[in-house]
Protein backbone atom coordinates (compact mmCIF):
# COMPACT_ATOMS: atom_id res chain seq x y z
CA MET A 1 0.00 0.00 0.00
CA SER A 2 1.42 3.39 -0.97
CA GLU A 3 1.78 6.31 1.45
CA GLN A 4 -1.03 8.17 -0.32
CA GLN A 5 -3.42 5.22 0.03
CA ARG A 6 -3.07 4.90 3.80
CA ASP A 7 -5.60 6.60 6.08
CA GLN A 8 -4.59 9.73 8.00
CA TRP A 9 -3.70 7.84 11.17
CA ALA A 10 -1.35 5.46 9.38
CA GLN A 11 0.15 8.24 7.26
CA TRP A 12 0.99 10.23 10.36
CA LEU A 13 2.42 7.42 12.48
CA LEU A 14 4.46 5.88 9.69
CA GLN A 15 5.65 9.05 7.93
CA ARG A 16 4.34 12.51 8.77
CA ARG A 17 5.15 12.65 12.50
CA HIS A 18 8.88 12.48 11.73
CA GLY A 19 8.83 14.03 8.27
CA GLY A 20 10.51 11.00 6.75
CA ASP A 21 13.66 11.67 8.81
CA GLN A 22 14.83 8.32 10.19
CA HIS A 23 17.40 9.94 12.50
CA TYR A 24 14.70 12.09 14.09
CA LEU A 25 12.42 9.03 14.32
CA GLN A 26 15.05 7.17 16.34
CA GLU A 27 15.39 10.17 18.67
CA MET A 28 11.61 10.27 19.04
CA LEU A 29 11.44 6.54 19.75
CA SER A 30 13.79 6.85 22.72
CA THR A 31 11.13 9.02 24.39
CA LEU A 32 8.28 6.78 23.28
CA TYR A 33 9.99 3.69 24.69
CA HIS A 34 10.08 5.40 28.08
CA TYR A 35 6.32 6.02 27.89
CA ARG A 36 5.74 2.42 26.82
CA ASP A 37 7.85 0.93 29.60
CA THR A 38 6.24 3.07 32.29
CA VAL A 39 2.71 2.25 31.11
CA LEU A 40 3.52 -1.48 31.12
CA GLU A 41 5.17 -1.33 34.55
CA HIS A 42 2.10 0.35 36.07
CA ALA A 43 -0.13 -2.38 34.62
CA HIS A 44 1.44 -5.13 36.81
CA ILE A 45 1.03 -7.71 34.04
CA GLN A 46 1.21 -11.40 34.88
CA ALA A 47 2.26 -14.24 32.58
CA GLY A 48 -0.68 -15.88 30.85
CA GLU A 49 -2.93 -12.81 30.94
CA THR A 50 -4.84 -11.19 28.10
CA LEU A 51 -3.92 -7.56 27.45
CA LEU A 52 -5.92 -5.14 25.33
CA ASP A 53 -3.96 -2.25 23.82
CA ILE A 54 -6.38 0.47 22.73
CA GLY A 55 -5.29 2.74 19.90
CA CYS A 56 -2.36 0.42 19.27
CA GLY A 57 -1.06 2.47 16.35
CA ASP A 58 2.14 0.90 15.06
CA GLY A 59 2.20 -1.54 17.98
CA LEU A 60 4.65 0.22 20.29
CA ILE A 61 2.97 -0.91 23.53
CA ALA A 62 1.28 -4.04 22.23
CA PHE A 63 4.48 -5.67 20.95
CA GLY A 64 6.26 -4.62 24.13
CA ALA A 65 3.57 -6.37 26.17
CA LEU A 66 4.19 -9.76 24.57
CA SER A 67 7.21 -10.44 26.75
CA TYR A 68 5.10 -9.67 29.83
CA VAL A 69 2.17 -11.99 29.03
CA GLY A 70 4.51 -14.78 27.93
CA GLU A 71 3.89 -17.75 25.67
CA GLN A 72 0.52 -18.55 27.25
CA GLY A 73 -0.75 -14.98 27.19
CA LYS A 74 -2.41 -12.94 24.46
CA VAL A 75 -2.29 -9.33 23.28
CA ILE A 76 -5.25 -7.74 21.53
CA PHE A 77 -4.32 -4.96 19.12
CA SER A 78 -7.21 -2.51 18.82
CA ASP A 79 -7.34 0.58 16.60
CA ILE A 80 -9.79 2.54 14.45
CA SER A 81 -7.30 2.37 11.57
CA GLN A 82 -7.48 -0.79 9.51
CA ASP A 83 -4.26 0.26 7.78
CA LEU A 84 -2.39 0.32 11.07
CA LEU A 85 -3.84 -3.04 12.07
CA ARG A 86 -2.58 -4.49 8.78
CA HIS A 87 0.82 -2.95 9.48
CA CYS A 88 0.90 -4.60 12.92
CA GLN A 89 -0.25 -7.94 11.48
CA THR A 90 2.66 -7.82 9.04
CA LEU A 91 5.11 -7.08 11.86
CA ALA A 92 3.63 -9.90 13.99
CA ALA A 93 4.10 -12.36 11.15
CA GLN A 94 7.68 -11.18 10.62
CA GLN A 95 8.40 -11.68 14.32
CA GLY A 96 6.66 -15.04 14.44
CA VAL A 97 4.29 -14.01 17.23
CA GLN A 98 1.00 -13.92 15.31
CA ASP A 99 -0.40 -16.84 17.29
CA ARG A 100 -0.36 -14.68 20.44
CA CYS A 101 -1.84 -11.59 18.77
CA HIS A 102 -5.46 -10.76 18.00
CA PHE A 103 -6.55 -7.73 15.97
CA ILE A 104 -9.81 -5.80 16.17
CA GLN A 105 -10.93 -2.57 14.53
CA ALA A 106 -12.70 -0.55 17.21
CA SER A 107 -12.87 2.90 18.71
CA ALA A 108 -11.93 3.38 22.35
CA GLU A 109 -15.46 4.44 23.29
CA ASP A 110 -17.10 1.40 21.64
CA LEU A 111 -15.52 -1.95 22.50
CA SER A 112 -18.75 -3.87 21.86
CA SER A 113 -16.83 -6.53 19.94
CA LEU A 114 -15.37 -7.59 23.30
CA LYS A 115 -17.40 -9.30 26.00
CA ALA A 116 -17.75 -7.95 29.52
CA ASN A 117 -15.15 -9.21 32.00
CA SER A 118 -13.00 -10.61 29.19
CA VAL A 119 -9.52 -9.02 29.54
CA ASP A 120 -7.03 -8.77 32.37
CA VAL A 121 -5.23 -5.57 31.40
CA ILE A 122 -5.95 -2.47 29.29
CA THR A 123 -3.24 -0.11 28.06
CA ALA A 124 -3.40 3.08 26.00
CA ARG A 125 -1.13 5.98 25.13
CA SER A 126 -2.21 9.36 23.71
CA VAL A 127 -5.67 8.12 22.74
CA LEU A 128 -8.09 10.22 24.77
CA ILE A 129 -6.78 13.47 23.24
CA TYR A 130 -8.67 12.53 20.06
CA ILE A 131 -11.93 11.49 21.73
CA HIS A 132 -14.84 13.67 22.87
CA GLU A 133 -16.62 11.03 24.95
CA LYS A 134 -13.87 10.38 27.48
CA ARG A 135 -16.26 9.26 30.20
CA GLN A 136 -17.57 6.56 27.87
CA VAL A 137 -14.03 5.31 27.29
CA PHE A 138 -13.57 4.69 31.01
CA ARG A 139 -16.97 3.01 31.22
CA GLU A 140 -15.84 0.63 28.47
CA PHE A 141 -12.58 0.03 30.33
CA TYR A 142 -14.56 -1.01 33.38
CA ARG A 143 -16.98 -3.18 31.42
CA VAL A 144 -14.42 -5.32 29.56
CA LEU A 145 -11.99 -5.75 32.46
CA LYS A 146 -12.30 -8.80 34.66
CA PRO A 147 -12.66 -8.32 38.41
CA GLY A 148 -9.14 -7.57 39.59
CA GLY A 149 -8.22 -6.33 36.12
CA ARG A 150 -6.02 -3.27 35.67
CA PHE A 151 -5.74 -0.39 33.26
CA SER A 152 -2.70 1.80 32.64
CA ILE A 153 -2.62 4.81 30.33
CA PHE A 154 -0.58 7.90 29.46
CA GLU A 155 -2.09 11.12 28.13
CA PRO A 156 -0.39 14.41 27.25
CA ILE A 157 -1.94 17.41 28.97
CA ILE A 158 -2.13 19.83 26.06
CA ARG A 159 -3.61 22.66 28.16
CA PHE A 160 -0.13 23.16 29.61
CA VAL A 161 1.36 23.76 26.16
CA LEU A 162 -1.35 25.48 24.14
CA PRO A 163 -2.21 28.12 23.31
CA GLU A 164 1.28 29.60 23.09
CA PRO A 165 1.93 33.30 23.81
CA PRO A 166 1.78 35.49 20.66
CA HIS A 167 5.57 35.86 20.46
CA ILE A 168 6.23 32.10 20.72
CA PHE A 169 5.82 29.67 17.82
CA ALA A 170 6.53 25.95 18.31
CA GLY A 171 8.68 26.93 21.28
CA TYR A 172 10.74 29.55 19.42
CA ASP A 173 10.77 33.29 20.11
CA VAL A 174 9.49 34.84 16.87
CA THR A 175 9.08 38.44 18.06
CA PRO A 176 10.83 39.97 14.99
CA ILE A 177 8.51 38.18 12.54
CA MET A 178 5.26 38.18 14.49
CA PRO A 179 3.16 39.68 11.64
CA ILE A 180 4.15 36.74 9.44
CA ILE A 181 3.65 34.16 12.19
CA GLN A 182 0.16 35.47 12.94
CA LYS A 183 -0.88 34.50 9.42
CA LEU A 184 0.05 30.89 10.20
CA ARG A 185 -1.87 30.57 13.43
CA PRO A 186 -5.39 29.16 13.37
CA ALA A 187 -8.24 31.60 13.87
CA PRO A 188 -8.71 32.57 17.52
CA VAL A 189 -11.25 30.41 19.30
CA SER A 190 -13.50 31.34 22.16
CA SER A 191 -12.91 29.83 25.57
CA GLN A 192 -16.11 27.86 25.05
CA SER A 193 -14.86 26.39 21.76
CA ALA A 194 -11.46 25.57 23.24
CA SER A 195 -13.07 23.78 26.16
CA SER A 196 -14.92 21.47 23.76
CA HIS A 197 -11.86 20.51 21.69
CA PRO A 198 -10.87 16.93 22.59
CA MET A 199 -7.21 17.89 23.00
CA LEU A 200 -8.01 20.76 25.35
CA ASP A 201 -11.16 19.69 27.19
CA PHE A 202 -9.42 17.82 30.02
CA ASP A 203 -6.53 17.80 32.42
CA GLU A 204 -5.11 15.31 34.91
CA HIS A 205 -7.88 16.03 37.43
CA ASP A 206 -10.54 15.22 34.84
CA LEU A 207 -8.88 11.91 33.99
CA LEU A 208 -8.96 10.90 37.64
CA CYS A 209 -12.61 11.92 38.00
CA PHE A 210 -13.67 10.08 34.83
CA ALA A 211 -12.05 6.86 36.06
CA GLU A 212 -13.59 7.14 39.49
CA GLU A 213 -17.03 7.85 38.05
CA ALA A 214 -16.70 4.71 35.90
CA GLY A 215 -16.40 2.64 39.07
CA PHE A 216 -12.66 2.16 39.62
CA PRO A 217 -12.09 2.24 43.40
CA GLU A 218 -8.29 2.11 43.32
CA LEU A 219 -6.51 4.75 41.23
CA TYR A 220 -3.07 6.30 40.97
CA LEU A 221 -1.97 9.33 38.97
CA GLU A 222 1.48 10.69 38.25
CA LEU A 223 1.85 14.08 36.56
CA GLN A 224 5.12 14.94 34.83
CA ILE A 225 5.89 18.49 33.68
CA ALA A 226 9.09 19.62 31.98
CA ILE A 227 10.36 22.95 30.69
CA THR A 228 13.71 22.53 28.94
CA PRO A 229 15.56 25.31 27.11
CA GLY A 230 17.79 24.53 24.16
CA ASN A 231 21.52 24.99 24.61
CA GLY A 232 22.12 27.13 21.53
CA GLU A 233 24.73 24.76 20.10
CA LYS A 234 24.61 23.23 16.67
CA SER A 235 24.17 19.50 17.13
CA PRO A 236 25.94 16.72 15.21
CA ALA A 237 24.20 15.60 12.04
CA GLY A 238 21.35 13.21 12.68
CA GLN A 239 20.96 14.01 16.37
CA GLN A 240 18.53 16.91 16.08
CA MET A 241 15.60 17.84 13.89
CA CYS A 242 16.93 19.58 10.78
CA TRP A 243 15.09 22.44 9.07
CA GLU A 244 13.57 20.18 6.40
CA THR A 245 12.26 17.82 9.07
CA PHE A 246 10.84 20.76 11.01
CA LEU A 247 8.96 21.82 7.88
CA ARG A 248 7.73 18.38 6.86
CA SER A 249 6.69 16.85 10.19
CA SER A 250 3.24 17.16 11.72
CA PRO A 251 2.45 17.37 15.46
CA ASN A 252 -0.60 15.09 15.25
CA PRO A 253 -2.67 13.16 12.70
CA LEU A 254 -5.19 15.98 12.33
CA ALA A 255 -2.66 18.76 11.71
CA PRO A 256 -0.96 19.82 8.45
CA THR A 257 2.79 20.18 8.21
CA LEU A 258 4.35 23.61 8.62
CA GLU A 259 5.44 23.44 4.99
CA GLU A 260 1.85 22.92 3.88
CA VAL A 261 0.58 25.84 5.95
CA MET A 262 3.34 28.16 4.78
CA HIS A 263 2.57 27.49 1.13
CA GLN A 264 -1.13 27.99 1.76
CA LYS A 265 -0.97 31.21 3.77
CA LEU A 266 2.30 33.01 2.97
CA SER A 267 3.73 34.67 -0.11
CA LYS A 268 7.14 33.58 -1.36
CA ASP A 269 8.71 36.70 0.13
CA GLU A 270 7.12 35.96 3.51
CA ARG A 271 8.28 32.34 3.37
CA ASP A 272 11.80 33.52 2.63
CA GLN A 273 11.73 35.98 5.55
CA MET A 274 10.44 33.33 7.92
CA THR A 275 13.05 30.81 6.80
CA ALA A 276 15.89 33.33 7.12
CA TYR A 277 14.92 34.07 10.71
CA LEU A 278 13.66 30.72 12.02
CA GLN A 279 15.98 28.19 10.37
CA PRO A 280 19.07 29.23 12.39
CA LEU A 281 17.05 28.98 15.61
CA VAL A 282 15.92 25.47 14.73
CA GLU A 283 19.38 24.32 13.74
CA THR A 284 21.00 25.72 16.91
CA ARG A 285 18.31 24.42 19.24
CA GLN A 286 16.98 27.74 20.51
CA LYS A 287 13.63 26.17 21.36
CA VAL A 288 12.16 26.11 24.84
CA SER A 289 10.34 22.79 25.08
CA ARG A 290 7.29 22.54 27.33
CA SER A 291 5.52 19.27 28.01
CA ALA A 292 3.08 17.79 30.47
CA GLY A 293 1.74 14.29 30.70
CA ALA A 294 -0.25 12.15 33.09
CA TYR A 295 0.15 8.47 33.85
CA LEU A 296 -3.05 7.03 35.27
CA TRP A 297 -3.53 3.45 36.40
CA GLY A 298 -6.13 1.61 38.41
CA THR A 299 -7.77 -1.65 39.39
CA LYS A 300 -11.30 -3.00 39.06
CA ARG A 301 -12.62 -4.77 42.15
C-alpha cells in the first residue's frame, strides 16, 4: 500500500510525525519507549494474561507487552485504523508471534466486539486526546476488564502547552517576525470552543474523575511536567531535527505540516523571511520545550 493510500492515522504514524527523517524518528522513539515501559510497569502484568492495547497504532505498547504476558498470554491490538492493524499484522508475522496476537478494529469508546469481563489488562497511550466522549471510554474500560483487572494509560496534557503566547511559535521566540507568524496561526477560538476541543477539554484532574465515576475504586496518577531550554549549540548531524524535518513533520494526525501551511498562507517573500529568521534557531536548538503528561492506572474490584 502506498503512502497516499493509507488513512490519515497510518500516514501520520508511519511518515508525517517524523517528516521522513529516520534519525529524528530514532530520537523520538527513545522518548516513546520510556512512555511504553512506564505504562507497562504500572499495569502489573502477569504471565498468561490477556492484554488489550487500545489505539495500538504501530504496535509500540502491544508488541512490548508480549514479553510480559509470555507464551501462554495474548495481546489484543485494537485501533480505528485498519491500515495500522494491517501494518501490525505484518510485523507480527515477521516476528513469528501472530499466534499470540489478536486484531480488532474498534474505537476506544465502543468496545462492543469484546465481551464484559474478558480481559485482564488495558493499556493506551495518547488516545483520549482525540476522543470527545472520554467518560464513555472509562466506562468501556470497566466493562471489559475482569474483576481484579487493571488499566494503565498515558495522556499528554495539552492545556499546559497550548495556546502559546503570541511571540512564541513551536517553542521559538518569533518576536521579529510576528506579523508573518500570525498569518500561520489558526483563527482565535472562544474559551467555550477551546473547552470542547478533545485535545483541550481535560486535564489530569478530569482523567482521575472520569475513572472514578466509571467505578474504579483504586486509582493512581502521576503528573510529569518539563520545561527545557535549548543549549544554543549546533548539534551533530542526525541528532537533532533539521530544518527540512521541522517543515515536513506534523504534530498530530489531524494537523498539516508547517510546509503545507506556509505554502497555503504566505507569499514567497514571507516564506523567505520566515526561513531566514527561524531556520538558524531550529538548527542551533533555541527552542524552549514545554511538556506535560499524566500516567493514570487503576484496578477493578
